[in-house]
Amino acid sequence: MPVTAAEALGRIHRETFIPRGDRGAPRGPSAIPTERDRLEIAPALSAAPPFPIEALPPVMRSAVEALEQHVQAPRSLCAHSVLSAAMLVSQGLADIKVEGLPAAVPLSLFMLAIAVSGERKSACDTLALRAVAAEEARLRIEYEEEDRRFKAAWAAYEAEKKAVERDNKLDRAGRESRLLALREPVPPVNPIIRAEEPNLEGLINLLRSGRASVGVFTSEAGQFLGGHGMGPEARTRTVTGLSKLWDNGSAQRVRAAEAQTYVGRRVGISLAAQPRIASTFIGDELANDQGIVGRFLVMYPESRIGFRVFRATNPGTDRRILDFQDQCRRCLDVGLPIREGTRNELAPPVLNLTPEAWTLFRQFGQSIEDENGPGKVWRPVSSAAGKIAENVARIAGILTIFENPDAARPSRAGGADRSLDIAVTAETMAAAIAIGTFYLREALRLTGHAILDPEIRAQNDLADWLIEKVKPGNLTSPSLIQKLTASHLRSDAATLRKRLEALVSFGRLEPAGRQEIDGKAYRETYRVTGEAA
């Protein structure tokens, strides 16, 4: 049954502004709890919103449920992996044109999952991207043979070029004519579809020599977000370069001896980062000023660690996962729409919206804008709110192309820069709005939250360790803490002293002066007082 604009936006409003336990009750627009116990070191995050998997097409929804069953990762993390895989195989096949945007935009997404090590994003990606891995293996075999032929052709070209240059019987015009007649062999396209941890320079090199559509996929995002590419000297260049790739798929490489611009490229990003790395990136002033943080769809799933069950499982035979991999393979088999006369420059056909989908998109965009002013609900995440409409359009395009990849075949699309016969429907736009709103609510839930600050997390962890190991009412000392605490909490004396002072101020410890502990005298001791009331 078609989804109307009023129905879709009404649902989004209820899920965004009304607490789950009070739907139907008259309440003001409060997206996250604001009350905090004064003794809390880092207030617990409010409950993560559920990922709206019912909005996904059946093949994608079933794949999410299968991943959740086999991998036992959080559902939202499974959905995040499935959506990123669909994005990777779809982003090069079409652009999407929305009247509210100045030009057709890529279907690329920048996605970031904040998760501690062991949350199993790698396992989710491995299953979701199995068709991509198989395609990379096939392309590598082809590349080896093509590279062998290229090297032979290059050797022949070089020999012929030298022969012309040394031919004393030729005058200048004749030599120039013969040299112009020679054609340099074209090297084969690099077969990499997924790059794990490139810096911007490496990524641009890949776009120069490789496929026109690639992805940066890694479960260890520290090198990408916190490595050399985000150092003081390279940070501005990296942030600006990534923003341009997201905006229109262009990149520029400037050197002393050359300056090159690459257009018609597509780069999708799917990262997983631990809270410490993510907080550094999300809180980076330059990254926020340049808008790169707002371009990312960020989520922080509630952990399943400690609640999983060891059991036999065989995802390789699960029809739900196999069907998703088959659909990814169909997208890959379509082939990229390379502009005529170029080696790896895309000229994607354009995907349009039905009138009903445009009405829904316009009303959604207006509702976000209306709540993005001073004092309004989306103001704390103004950058993400400013980009969410475009991200929603991209998601709608991905869902449409992923379900109908054959419609994007160059022969059926009517050639480069033409409109596709299919269009985004209101139902698909409503689904994209639900998914986009999930990510915007996650951005609001996480923005400015103390739990992402690494030092506050350390204070929290130390307080929890004292409650569990020392026990309320018992004594401890700095030297005992240094010796016995968890390895990631061991630090230099100055850092430990600051943490102890913080725990005293939060009421987790009380100074006890000189005391004996287990028959040994300590000049400085503290009494564990228990958790916050």
Protein backbone atom coordinates (compact mmCIF):
# COMPACT_ATOMS: atom_id res chain seq x y z
CA MET A 1 0.00 0.00 0.00
CA PRO A 2 1.51 3.40 -0.97
CA VAL A 3 2.97 5.46 1.84
CA THR A 4 1.68 9.03 2.04
CA ALA A 5 3.84 11.95 3.06
CA ALA A 6 1.66 12.60 6.10
CA GLU A 7 1.90 9.00 7.30
CA ALA A 8 5.67 8.80 6.87
CA LEU A 9 6.44 12.17 8.46
CA GLY A 10 3.99 11.55 11.28
CA ARG A 11 5.80 8.33 12.14
CA ILE A 12 9.19 10.03 11.97
CA HIS A 13 7.95 12.78 14.29
CA ARG A 14 6.59 10.29 16.82
CA GLU A 15 9.78 8.21 16.85
CA THR A 16 12.03 11.26 17.08
CA PHE A 17 10.32 13.50 19.58
CA ILE A 18 8.21 11.21 21.79
CA PRO A 19 9.84 8.77 24.26
CA ARG A 20 9.01 5.16 23.47
CA GLY A 21 7.14 4.56 26.72
CA ASP A 22 4.98 7.68 26.41
CA ARG A 23 3.80 7.69 22.82
CA GLY A 24 0.36 9.16 22.65
CA ALA A 25 0.88 11.33 25.75
CA PRO A 26 1.23 15.09 25.31
CA ARG A 27 4.87 15.95 25.74
CA GLY A 28 7.34 18.57 24.60
CA PRO A 29 10.11 17.91 22.06
CA SER A 30 12.72 16.08 24.11
CA ALA A 31 14.90 13.74 22.04
CA ILE A 32 17.18 12.47 24.83
CA PRO A 33 17.02 12.49 28.61
CA THR A 34 18.54 15.61 30.16
CA GLU A 35 18.48 14.72 33.86
CA ARG A 36 21.82 13.57 35.24
CA ASP A 37 22.72 12.38 38.68
CA ARG A 38 25.24 14.84 40.08
CA LEU A 39 27.49 11.97 41.21
CA GLU A 40 27.77 10.35 37.80
CA ILE A 41 31.20 10.57 36.23
CA ALA A 42 29.90 9.93 32.73
CA PRO A 43 26.13 9.61 32.53
CA ALA A 44 25.06 6.43 30.80
CA LEU A 45 24.03 6.90 27.20
CA SER A 46 20.32 6.82 26.65
CA ALA A 47 19.08 3.70 24.90
CA ALA A 48 20.11 3.48 21.27
CA PRO A 49 17.23 3.85 18.83
CA PRO A 50 16.38 0.63 16.99
CA PHE A 51 17.51 0.45 13.39
CA PRO A 52 14.36 0.42 11.23
CA ILE A 53 15.12 -2.83 9.41
CA GLU A 54 11.47 -3.05 8.37
CA ALA A 55 12.25 -0.13 6.04
CA LEU A 56 14.85 -2.16 4.14
CA PRO A 57 13.99 -4.13 0.99
CA PRO A 58 13.21 -7.81 1.78
CA VAL A 59 16.59 -9.16 0.66
CA MET A 60 18.49 -6.64 2.79
CA ARG A 61 16.19 -7.07 5.79
CA SER A 62 16.57 -10.85 5.71
CA ALA A 63 20.35 -10.50 5.46
CA VAL A 64 20.37 -8.33 8.60
CA GLU A 65 18.35 -10.92 10.49
CA ALA A 66 20.69 -13.68 9.29
CA LEU A 67 23.80 -11.77 10.37
CA GLU A 68 22.27 -11.12 13.76
CA GLN A 69 21.58 -14.84 14.15
CA HIS A 70 24.95 -16.13 12.99
CA VAL A 71 27.34 -13.39 14.13
CA GLN A 72 25.39 -12.32 17.24
CA ALA A 73 26.41 -8.72 16.67
CA PRO A 74 24.04 -5.87 17.56
CA ARG A 75 21.20 -5.60 15.06
CA SER A 76 22.03 -2.01 14.16
CA LEU A 77 25.64 -3.01 13.44
CA CYS A 78 24.43 -5.82 11.16
CA ALA A 79 22.18 -3.36 9.34
CA HIS A 80 25.05 -0.90 9.08
CA SER A 81 27.20 -3.56 7.35
CA VAL A 82 24.40 -4.62 4.98
CA LEU A 83 23.64 -1.02 3.99
CA SER A 84 27.33 -0.25 3.43
CA ALA A 85 27.73 -3.34 1.24
CA ALA A 86 24.69 -2.37 -0.83
CA MET A 87 26.15 1.12 -1.15
CA LEU A 88 29.51 -0.17 -2.36
CA VAL A 89 28.05 -2.25 -5.19
CA SER A 90 25.47 0.41 -6.19
CA GLN A 91 27.33 3.73 -5.92
CA GLY A 92 28.95 3.58 -9.35
CA LEU A 93 25.82 2.63 -11.28
CA ALA A 94 23.82 5.87 -11.05
CA ASP A 95 23.54 9.33 -9.53
CA ILE A 96 20.34 10.70 -8.02
CA LYS A 97 18.70 13.99 -9.00
CA VAL A 98 16.51 15.78 -6.49
CA GLU A 99 14.95 19.14 -7.26
CA GLY A 100 15.97 20.48 -3.87
CA LEU A 101 19.66 19.87 -4.65
CA PRO A 102 21.63 21.91 -7.21
CA ALA A 103 22.85 18.89 -9.21
CA ALA A 104 22.67 15.13 -9.37
CA VAL A 105 24.69 13.66 -6.51
CA PRO A 106 26.56 10.36 -6.03
CA LEU A 107 25.10 7.44 -4.11
CA SER A 108 28.24 7.22 -1.95
CA LEU A 109 27.88 7.22 1.84
CA PHE A 110 30.41 7.89 4.59
CA MET A 111 29.56 5.60 7.52
CA LEU A 112 31.09 5.25 10.99
CA ALA A 113 30.24 2.65 13.62
CA ILE A 114 31.56 3.37 17.10
CA ALA A 115 32.19 0.02 18.73
CA VAL A 116 34.66 -1.55 21.11
CA SER A 117 36.94 -4.30 19.88
CA GLY A 118 35.12 -7.62 19.79
CA GLU A 119 31.76 -6.27 18.64
CA ARG A 120 32.22 -8.34 15.44
CA LYS A 121 31.89 -5.73 12.72
CA SER A 122 34.62 -7.55 10.79
CA ALA A 123 32.55 -10.73 10.81
CA CYS A 124 29.49 -8.80 9.61
CA ASP A 125 31.47 -7.18 6.80
CA THR A 126 33.06 -10.47 5.78
CA LEU A 127 29.64 -12.06 5.20
CA ALA A 128 28.00 -8.97 3.72
CA LEU A 129 30.90 -8.39 1.30
CA ARG A 130 31.52 -11.96 0.22
CA ALA A 131 30.36 -11.26 -3.34
CA VAL A 132 32.72 -8.27 -3.47
CA ALA A 133 35.60 -10.46 -2.26
CA ALA A 134 34.83 -12.99 -5.00
CA GLU A 135 34.77 -10.23 -7.62
CA GLU A 136 38.11 -8.89 -6.38
CA ALA A 137 39.61 -12.39 -6.66
CA ARG A 138 38.35 -12.68 -10.23
CA LEU A 139 39.67 -9.23 -11.13
CA ARG A 140 43.08 -10.06 -9.65
CA ILE A 141 43.42 -13.07 -11.95
CA GLU A 142 42.47 -10.98 -14.97
CA TYR A 143 44.80 -8.21 -13.85
CA GLU A 144 47.81 -10.53 -13.67
CA GLU A 145 47.34 -11.61 -17.29
CA GLU A 146 46.59 -8.07 -18.50
CA ASP A 147 49.62 -6.73 -16.66
CA ARG A 148 51.83 -9.37 -18.27
CA ARG A 149 50.58 -8.32 -21.71
CA PHE A 150 50.97 -4.64 -20.85
CA LYS A 151 54.62 -5.10 -19.86
CA ALA A 152 55.32 -6.91 -23.11
CA ALA A 153 53.55 -4.20 -25.11
CA TRP A 154 55.45 -1.50 -23.21
CA ALA A 155 58.78 -3.15 -23.96
CA ALA A 156 57.88 -3.28 -27.67
CA TYR A 157 56.75 0.35 -27.59
CA GLU A 158 59.97 1.49 -25.92
CA ALA A 159 62.09 -0.43 -28.45
CA GLU A 160 60.19 1.06 -31.39
CA LYS A 161 60.37 4.56 -29.88
CA LYS A 162 64.15 4.30 -29.45
CA ALA A 163 64.52 3.01 -33.02
CA VAL A 164 62.67 6.06 -34.36
CA GLU A 165 64.71 8.41 -32.20
CA ARG A 166 67.99 6.88 -33.49
CA ASP A 167 67.01 6.76 -37.16
CA ASN A 168 69.40 9.28 -38.76
CA LYS A 169 67.60 9.08 -42.10
CA LEU A 170 64.57 10.90 -40.67
CA ASP A 171 64.33 14.67 -40.66
CA ARG A 172 62.63 16.50 -37.76
CA ALA A 173 59.18 16.42 -39.33
CA GLY A 174 59.47 12.75 -40.21
CA ARG A 175 60.69 11.79 -36.76
CA GLU A 176 57.90 13.80 -35.12
CA SER A 177 55.32 12.17 -37.37
CA ARG A 178 56.59 8.68 -36.59
CA LEU A 179 56.65 9.35 -32.83
CA LEU A 180 53.12 10.77 -32.89
CA ALA A 181 51.96 7.63 -34.66
CA LEU A 182 53.14 5.50 -31.77
CA ARG A 183 50.55 4.75 -29.08
CA GLU A 184 51.60 4.18 -25.48
CA PRO A 185 50.14 0.96 -24.11
CA VAL A 186 47.49 1.57 -21.44
CA PRO A 187 48.15 -0.20 -18.13
CA PRO A 188 45.37 -2.40 -16.75
CA VAL A 189 43.05 -1.03 -14.09
CA ASN A 190 44.04 -1.87 -10.52
CA PRO A 191 41.59 -4.57 -9.30
CA ILE A 192 41.11 -3.23 -5.75
CA ILE A 193 37.48 -2.58 -4.82
CA ARG A 194 38.03 -2.17 -1.07
CA ALA A 195 40.95 -0.31 0.44
CA GLU A 196 41.51 -0.99 4.12
CA GLU A 197 43.58 1.86 5.51
CA PRO A 198 44.76 4.32 2.86
CA ASN A 199 45.62 7.93 3.55
CA LEU A 200 44.23 10.54 1.16
CA GLU A 201 47.32 10.39 -1.07
CA GLY A 202 47.04 6.62 -1.36
CA LEU A 203 43.32 6.89 -2.07
CA ILE A 204 43.86 9.40 -4.87
CA ASN A 205 46.59 7.18 -6.36
CA LEU A 206 44.12 4.30 -6.33
CA LEU A 207 41.50 6.44 -8.09
CA ARG A 208 44.12 7.40 -10.68
CA SER A 209 45.17 3.86 -11.53
CA GLY A 210 42.24 1.78 -10.34
CA ARG A 211 38.52 1.35 -10.60
CA ALA A 212 36.30 4.39 -10.77
CA SER A 213 34.24 3.12 -7.81
CA VAL A 214 35.95 1.95 -4.62
CA GLY A 215 35.31 1.73 -0.90
CA VAL A 216 37.33 2.30 2.24
CA PHE A 217 36.25 -0.49 4.59
CA THR A 218 38.01 -1.21 7.86
CA SER A 219 37.14 -2.33 11.36
CA GLU A 220 40.27 -0.64 12.71
CA ALA A 221 39.72 2.97 11.75
CA GLY A 222 42.48 4.36 13.95
CA GLN A 223 44.97 4.54 11.08
CA PHE A 224 42.49 6.26 8.77
CA LEU A 225 41.00 8.72 11.28
CA GLY A 226 44.01 9.19 13.53
CA GLY A 227 47.03 8.32 11.43
CA HIS A 228 49.46 10.38 9.36
CA GLY A 229 46.70 11.62 7.05
CA MET A 230 45.02 13.39 9.98
CA GLY A 231 48.26 14.83 11.40
CA PRO A 232 48.66 18.58 11.83
CA GLU A 233 50.24 19.15 8.42
CA ALA A 234 48.00 16.88 6.36
CA ARG A 235 44.69 17.30 8.19
CA THR A 236 43.33 20.21 6.16
CA ARG A 237 44.20 18.49 2.89
CA THR A 238 42.62 15.22 4.03
CA VAL A 239 39.40 16.80 5.28
CA THR A 240 38.99 18.92 2.15
CA GLY A 241 39.80 16.00 -0.16
CA LEU A 242 37.32 13.66 1.49
CA SER A 243 34.62 16.32 1.40
CA LYS A 244 35.06 16.78 -2.36
CA LEU A 245 34.92 13.05 -2.95
CA TRP A 246 31.63 12.87 -1.03
CA ASP A 247 30.21 15.94 -2.76
CA ASN A 248 30.79 15.08 -6.41
CA GLY A 249 33.35 12.30 -6.74
CA SER A 250 36.25 14.54 -7.74
CA ALA A 251 39.82 14.59 -6.45
CA GLN A 252 42.87 16.72 -7.13
CA ARG A 253 46.55 15.88 -6.91
CA VAL A 254 48.99 18.79 -6.96
CA ARG A 255 52.74 18.33 -7.07
CA ALA A 256 55.66 20.61 -7.93
CA ALA A 257 55.94 19.12 -11.40
CA GLU A 258 52.29 18.34 -12.10
CA ALA A 259 48.69 19.05 -11.17
CA GLN A 260 45.96 16.55 -12.00
CA THR A 261 42.23 16.52 -11.38
CA TYR A 262 40.20 13.33 -11.38
CA VAL A 263 36.44 13.42 -11.91
CA GLY A 264 33.79 10.76 -12.26
CA ARG A 265 35.00 8.75 -9.27
CA ARG A 266 33.00 7.28 -6.40
CA VAL A 267 34.31 6.54 -2.91
CA GLY A 268 32.18 5.02 -0.16
CA ILE A 269 33.51 4.73 3.38
CA SER A 270 32.51 2.30 6.14
CA LEU A 271 34.60 2.46 9.29
CA ALA A 272 34.45 1.02 12.79
CA ALA A 273 36.31 2.92 15.46
CA GLN A 274 36.71 2.51 19.19
CA PRO A 275 35.23 5.35 21.26
CA ARG A 276 38.63 6.95 21.92
CA ILE A 277 39.41 7.27 18.20
CA ALA A 278 35.87 8.28 17.31
CA SER A 279 35.76 10.99 19.97
CA THR A 280 38.97 12.53 18.60
CA PHE A 281 37.48 12.65 15.11
CA ILE A 282 33.99 13.79 16.10
CA GLY A 283 35.40 16.48 18.36
CA ASP A 284 37.99 17.75 15.86
CA GLU A 285 37.35 21.47 15.33
CA LEU A 286 38.67 21.56 11.76
CA ALA A 287 36.74 18.43 10.74
CA ASN A 288 33.56 19.99 12.08
CA ASP A 289 34.23 23.39 10.53
CA GLN A 290 34.82 21.78 7.12
CA GLY A 291 31.66 19.71 7.48
CA ILE A 292 33.26 16.28 7.07
CA VAL A 293 31.83 15.02 10.38
CA GLY A 294 28.34 16.04 9.30
CA ARG A 295 28.69 13.99 6.14
CA PHE A 296 29.23 10.79 8.15
CA LEU A 297 26.35 8.58 9.25
CA VAL A 298 27.42 7.69 12.79
CA MET A 299 26.03 5.02 15.12
CA TYR A 300 27.00 3.46 18.45
CA PRO A 301 25.27 0.09 19.00
CA GLU A 302 24.50 -1.27 22.41
CA SER A 303 27.05 -3.99 23.07
CA ARG A 304 26.26 -7.69 22.85
CA ILE A 305 29.55 -8.69 24.47
CA GLY A 306 28.85 -10.95 27.43
CA PHE A 307 25.39 -11.89 26.16
CA ARG A 308 26.31 -14.12 23.22
CA VAL A 309 25.94 -17.89 23.12
CA PHE A 310 28.59 -20.17 21.64
CA ARG A 311 26.83 -22.44 19.20
CA ALA A 312 27.32 -24.20 15.90
CA THR A 313 26.32 -22.07 12.93
CA ASN A 314 26.79 -22.23 9.18
CA PRO A 315 26.10 -18.89 7.53
CA GLY A 316 27.58 -20.18 4.27
CA THR A 317 24.42 -22.19 3.63
CA ASP A 318 21.89 -19.65 4.90
CA ARG A 319 19.63 -18.76 1.99
CA ARG A 320 19.10 -15.25 3.35
CA ILE A 321 22.81 -14.45 3.14
CA LEU A 322 23.21 -16.23 -0.19
CA ASP A 323 20.33 -14.21 -1.66
CA PHE A 324 21.95 -10.97 -0.51
CA GLN A 325 25.29 -12.02 -2.00
CA ASP A 326 23.52 -12.92 -5.26
CA GLN A 327 21.97 -9.45 -5.39
CA CYS A 328 25.37 -7.84 -4.77
CA ARG A 329 26.74 -9.97 -7.60
CA ARG A 330 23.97 -8.77 -9.91
CA CYS A 331 24.98 -5.18 -9.17
CA LEU A 332 28.64 -5.96 -9.84
CA ASP A 333 27.79 -7.76 -13.08
CA VAL A 334 26.08 -4.67 -14.50
CA GLY A 335 29.44 -3.03 -15.08
CA LEU A 336 30.45 0.55 -14.43
CA PRO A 337 29.25 3.21 -16.92
CA ILE A 338 32.67 4.46 -18.07
CA ARG A 339 32.69 7.65 -20.12
CA GLU A 340 33.63 6.99 -23.74
CA GLY A 341 37.25 7.74 -24.49
CA THR A 342 38.37 7.42 -20.86
CA ARG A 343 39.93 4.61 -18.90
CA ASN A 344 38.20 4.92 -15.54
CA GLU A 345 35.95 7.99 -15.46
CA LEU A 346 32.30 7.42 -14.68
CA ALA A 347 29.37 8.96 -16.54
CA PRO A 348 26.49 7.54 -14.51
CA PRO A 349 22.86 7.72 -15.63
CA VAL A 350 20.53 9.77 -13.46
CA LEU A 351 17.88 8.38 -11.14
CA ASN A 352 14.88 10.66 -10.58
CA LEU A 353 12.07 10.80 -8.02
CA THR A 354 8.38 10.25 -8.61
CA PRO A 355 6.23 13.31 -7.78
CA GLU A 356 5.03 11.58 -4.60
CA ALA A 357 8.60 10.82 -3.54
CA TRP A 358 9.62 14.43 -4.18
CA THR A 359 6.72 15.69 -2.03
CA LEU A 360 7.78 13.42 0.80
CA PHE A 361 11.45 14.41 0.45
CA ARG A 362 10.58 18.13 0.41
CA GLN A 363 8.44 17.88 3.52
CA PHE A 364 11.11 15.90 5.34
CA GLY A 365 13.80 18.40 4.41
CA GLN A 366 11.62 21.27 5.57
CA SER A 367 10.86 19.55 8.88
CA ILE A 368 14.59 19.16 9.53
CA GLU A 369 15.26 22.78 8.60
CA ASP A 370 12.47 24.00 10.88
CA GLU A 371 14.01 22.16 13.85
CA ASN A 372 17.59 23.22 13.13
CA GLY A 373 17.41 26.79 14.39
CA PRO A 374 18.69 28.16 17.71
CA GLY A 375 17.22 26.25 20.63
CA LYS A 376 15.61 23.65 18.35
CA VAL A 377 16.02 19.89 18.64
CA TRP A 378 18.57 19.37 15.84
CA ARG A 379 20.69 22.42 16.67
CA PRO A 380 23.34 20.41 18.61
CA VAL A 381 23.93 18.37 15.43
CA SER A 382 23.44 21.20 12.97
CA SER A 383 26.14 19.94 10.61
CA ALA A 384 24.65 16.45 10.36
CA ALA A 385 21.13 17.87 10.12
CA GLY A 386 22.26 20.09 7.25
CA LYS A 387 23.45 17.05 5.29
CA ILE A 388 20.79 14.52 6.29
CA ALA A 389 18.40 15.35 3.44
CA GLU A 390 21.12 14.68 0.87
CA ASN A 391 22.12 11.51 2.72
CA VAL A 392 18.48 10.41 2.65
CA ALA A 393 18.36 10.99 -1.11
CA ARG A 394 21.49 8.88 -1.51
CA ILE A 395 20.04 6.08 0.64
CA ALA A 396 16.84 6.15 -1.43
CA GLY A 397 18.94 5.82 -4.58
CA ILE A 398 20.90 2.90 -3.13
CA LEU A 399 17.74 1.03 -2.13
CA THR A 400 16.28 1.58 -5.60
CA ILE A 401 19.37 0.57 -7.60
CA PHE A 402 20.15 -2.39 -5.34
CA GLU A 403 16.70 -3.83 -6.00
CA ASN A 404 16.78 -3.03 -9.74
CA PRO A 405 20.42 -3.17 -10.90
CA ASP A 406 19.58 -4.30 -14.44
CA ALA A 407 17.81 -1.00 -15.07
CA ALA A 408 21.20 0.71 -14.74
CA ARG A 409 22.94 -1.35 -17.44
CA PRO A 410 24.57 1.07 -19.91
CA SER A 411 22.63 -0.45 -22.83
CA ARG A 412 19.31 0.01 -21.03
CA ALA A 413 20.11 3.33 -19.39
CA GLY A 414 20.29 5.02 -22.78
CA GLY A 415 23.94 5.99 -22.53
CA ALA A 416 25.88 8.23 -20.19
CA ASP A 417 24.20 11.17 -18.47
CA ARG A 418 20.70 9.96 -19.31
CA SER A 419 17.76 9.37 -17.00
CA LEU A 420 16.88 5.83 -15.96
CA ASP A 421 13.49 4.32 -16.73
CA ILE A 422 12.96 3.59 -13.03
CA ALA A 423 12.46 6.23 -10.35
CA VAL A 424 12.51 6.44 -6.56
CA THR A 425 9.02 5.78 -5.24
CA ALA A 426 7.35 7.36 -2.21
CA GLU A 427 7.59 4.03 -0.40
CA THR A 428 11.34 3.87 -0.94
CA MET A 429 11.75 7.52 0.03
CA ALA A 430 9.83 6.88 3.26
CA ALA A 431 12.18 3.97 3.98
CA ALA A 432 15.23 6.16 3.35
CA ILE A 433 13.81 8.85 5.63
CA ALA A 434 13.36 6.31 8.42
CA ILE A 435 16.98 5.13 8.02
CA GLY A 436 18.35 8.67 7.79
CA THR A 437 16.41 9.71 10.88
CA PHE A 438 17.90 6.78 12.77
CA TYR A 439 21.40 8.11 12.05
CA LEU A 440 20.44 11.68 12.90
CA ARG A 441 18.97 10.55 16.23
CA GLU A 442 22.19 8.65 16.88
CA ALA A 443 24.23 11.79 16.15
CA LEU A 444 22.08 13.71 18.63
CA ARG A 445 22.43 10.97 21.25
CA LEU A 446 26.22 10.95 20.95
CA THR A 447 27.14 14.57 20.37
CA GLY A 448 29.00 16.06 23.29
CA HIS A 449 28.47 13.00 25.45
CA ALA A 450 31.11 12.55 28.10
CA ILE A 451 31.30 8.81 27.56
CA LEU A 452 33.23 9.47 24.33
CA ASP A 453 35.94 11.42 26.14
CA PRO A 454 38.86 9.02 26.71
CA GLU A 455 39.85 10.43 30.10
CA ILE A 456 36.29 10.40 31.44
CA ARG A 457 35.93 6.83 30.17
CA ALA A 458 39.10 5.96 32.12
CA GLN A 459 37.67 7.54 35.28
CA ASN A 460 34.46 5.59 34.78
CA ASP A 461 36.34 2.34 34.25
CA LEU A 462 38.51 2.94 37.32
CA ALA A 463 35.44 3.63 39.46
CA ASP A 464 33.82 0.40 38.21
CA TRP A 465 37.03 -1.53 38.93
CA LEU A 466 37.16 -0.19 42.51
CA ILE A 467 33.55 -1.22 43.13
CA GLU A 468 34.11 -4.71 41.74
CA LYS A 469 37.57 -5.54 43.08
CA VAL A 470 38.14 -3.43 46.20
CA LYS A 471 34.46 -3.30 47.28
CA PRO A 472 32.62 -0.40 48.93
CA GLY A 473 33.83 0.44 52.43
CA ASN A 474 37.30 -1.01 51.90
CA LEU A 475 40.60 0.84 51.65
CA THR A 476 43.05 1.09 48.79
CA SER A 477 46.09 3.19 47.93
CA PRO A 478 47.57 4.70 44.78
CA SER A 479 50.40 2.16 44.72
CA LEU A 480 47.94 -0.75 45.00
CA ILE A 481 45.83 0.69 42.22
CA GLN A 482 48.92 1.07 40.04
CA LYS A 483 49.85 -2.54 40.71
CA LEU A 484 46.48 -4.28 40.54
CA THR A 485 44.18 -2.33 38.24
CA ALA A 486 43.38 -3.32 34.69
CA SER A 487 46.28 -2.80 32.29
CA HIS A 488 44.57 -0.11 30.22
CA LEU A 489 44.09 1.96 33.41
CA ARG A 490 47.73 1.86 34.54
CA SER A 491 49.29 5.25 34.04
CA ASP A 492 51.94 7.60 35.33
CA ALA A 493 51.64 8.99 38.85
CA ALA A 494 50.42 12.43 37.75
CA THR A 495 47.59 10.98 35.65
CA LEU A 496 46.54 8.60 38.41
CA ARG A 497 46.49 11.44 40.95
CA LYS A 498 44.18 13.49 38.69
CA ARG A 499 41.87 10.50 38.35
CA LEU A 500 41.79 9.94 42.11
CA GLU A 501 41.00 13.61 42.66
CA ALA A 502 38.19 13.34 40.14
CA LEU A 503 36.76 10.25 41.88
CA VAL A 504 36.89 12.07 45.21
CA SER A 505 35.00 15.01 43.71
CA PHE A 506 32.37 12.63 42.34
CA GLY A 507 31.99 10.94 45.72
CA ARG A 508 33.38 7.59 44.63
CA LEU A 509 36.40 7.81 47.00
CA GLU A 510 37.06 9.40 50.39
CA PRO A 511 40.60 10.35 51.50
CA ALA A 512 41.49 8.20 54.54
CA GLY A 513 45.03 9.40 55.26
CA ARG A 514 47.65 7.04 56.72
CA GLN A 515 46.20 3.54 57.18
CA GLU A 516 47.15 -0.13 57.23
CA ILE A 517 45.92 -2.40 54.47
CA ASP A 518 46.47 -6.14 54.96
CA GLY A 519 49.01 -5.38 57.71
CA LYS A 520 51.08 -2.96 55.64
CA ALA A 521 51.21 0.77 56.34
CA TYR A 522 50.43 3.27 53.56
CA ARG A 523 50.87 7.02 53.86
CA GLU A 524 48.00 7.78 51.43
CA THR A 525 44.81 5.73 51.32
CA TYR A 526 41.26 6.10 50.05
CA ARG A 527 38.00 4.46 51.07
CA VAL A 528 35.71 3.22 48.30
CA THR A 529 32.29 4.74 48.93
CA GLY A 530 30.17 2.90 46.37
CA GLU A 531 28.30 3.85 43.28
CA ALA A 532 26.39 7.05 42.78
CA ALA A 533 23.15 7.16 44.67
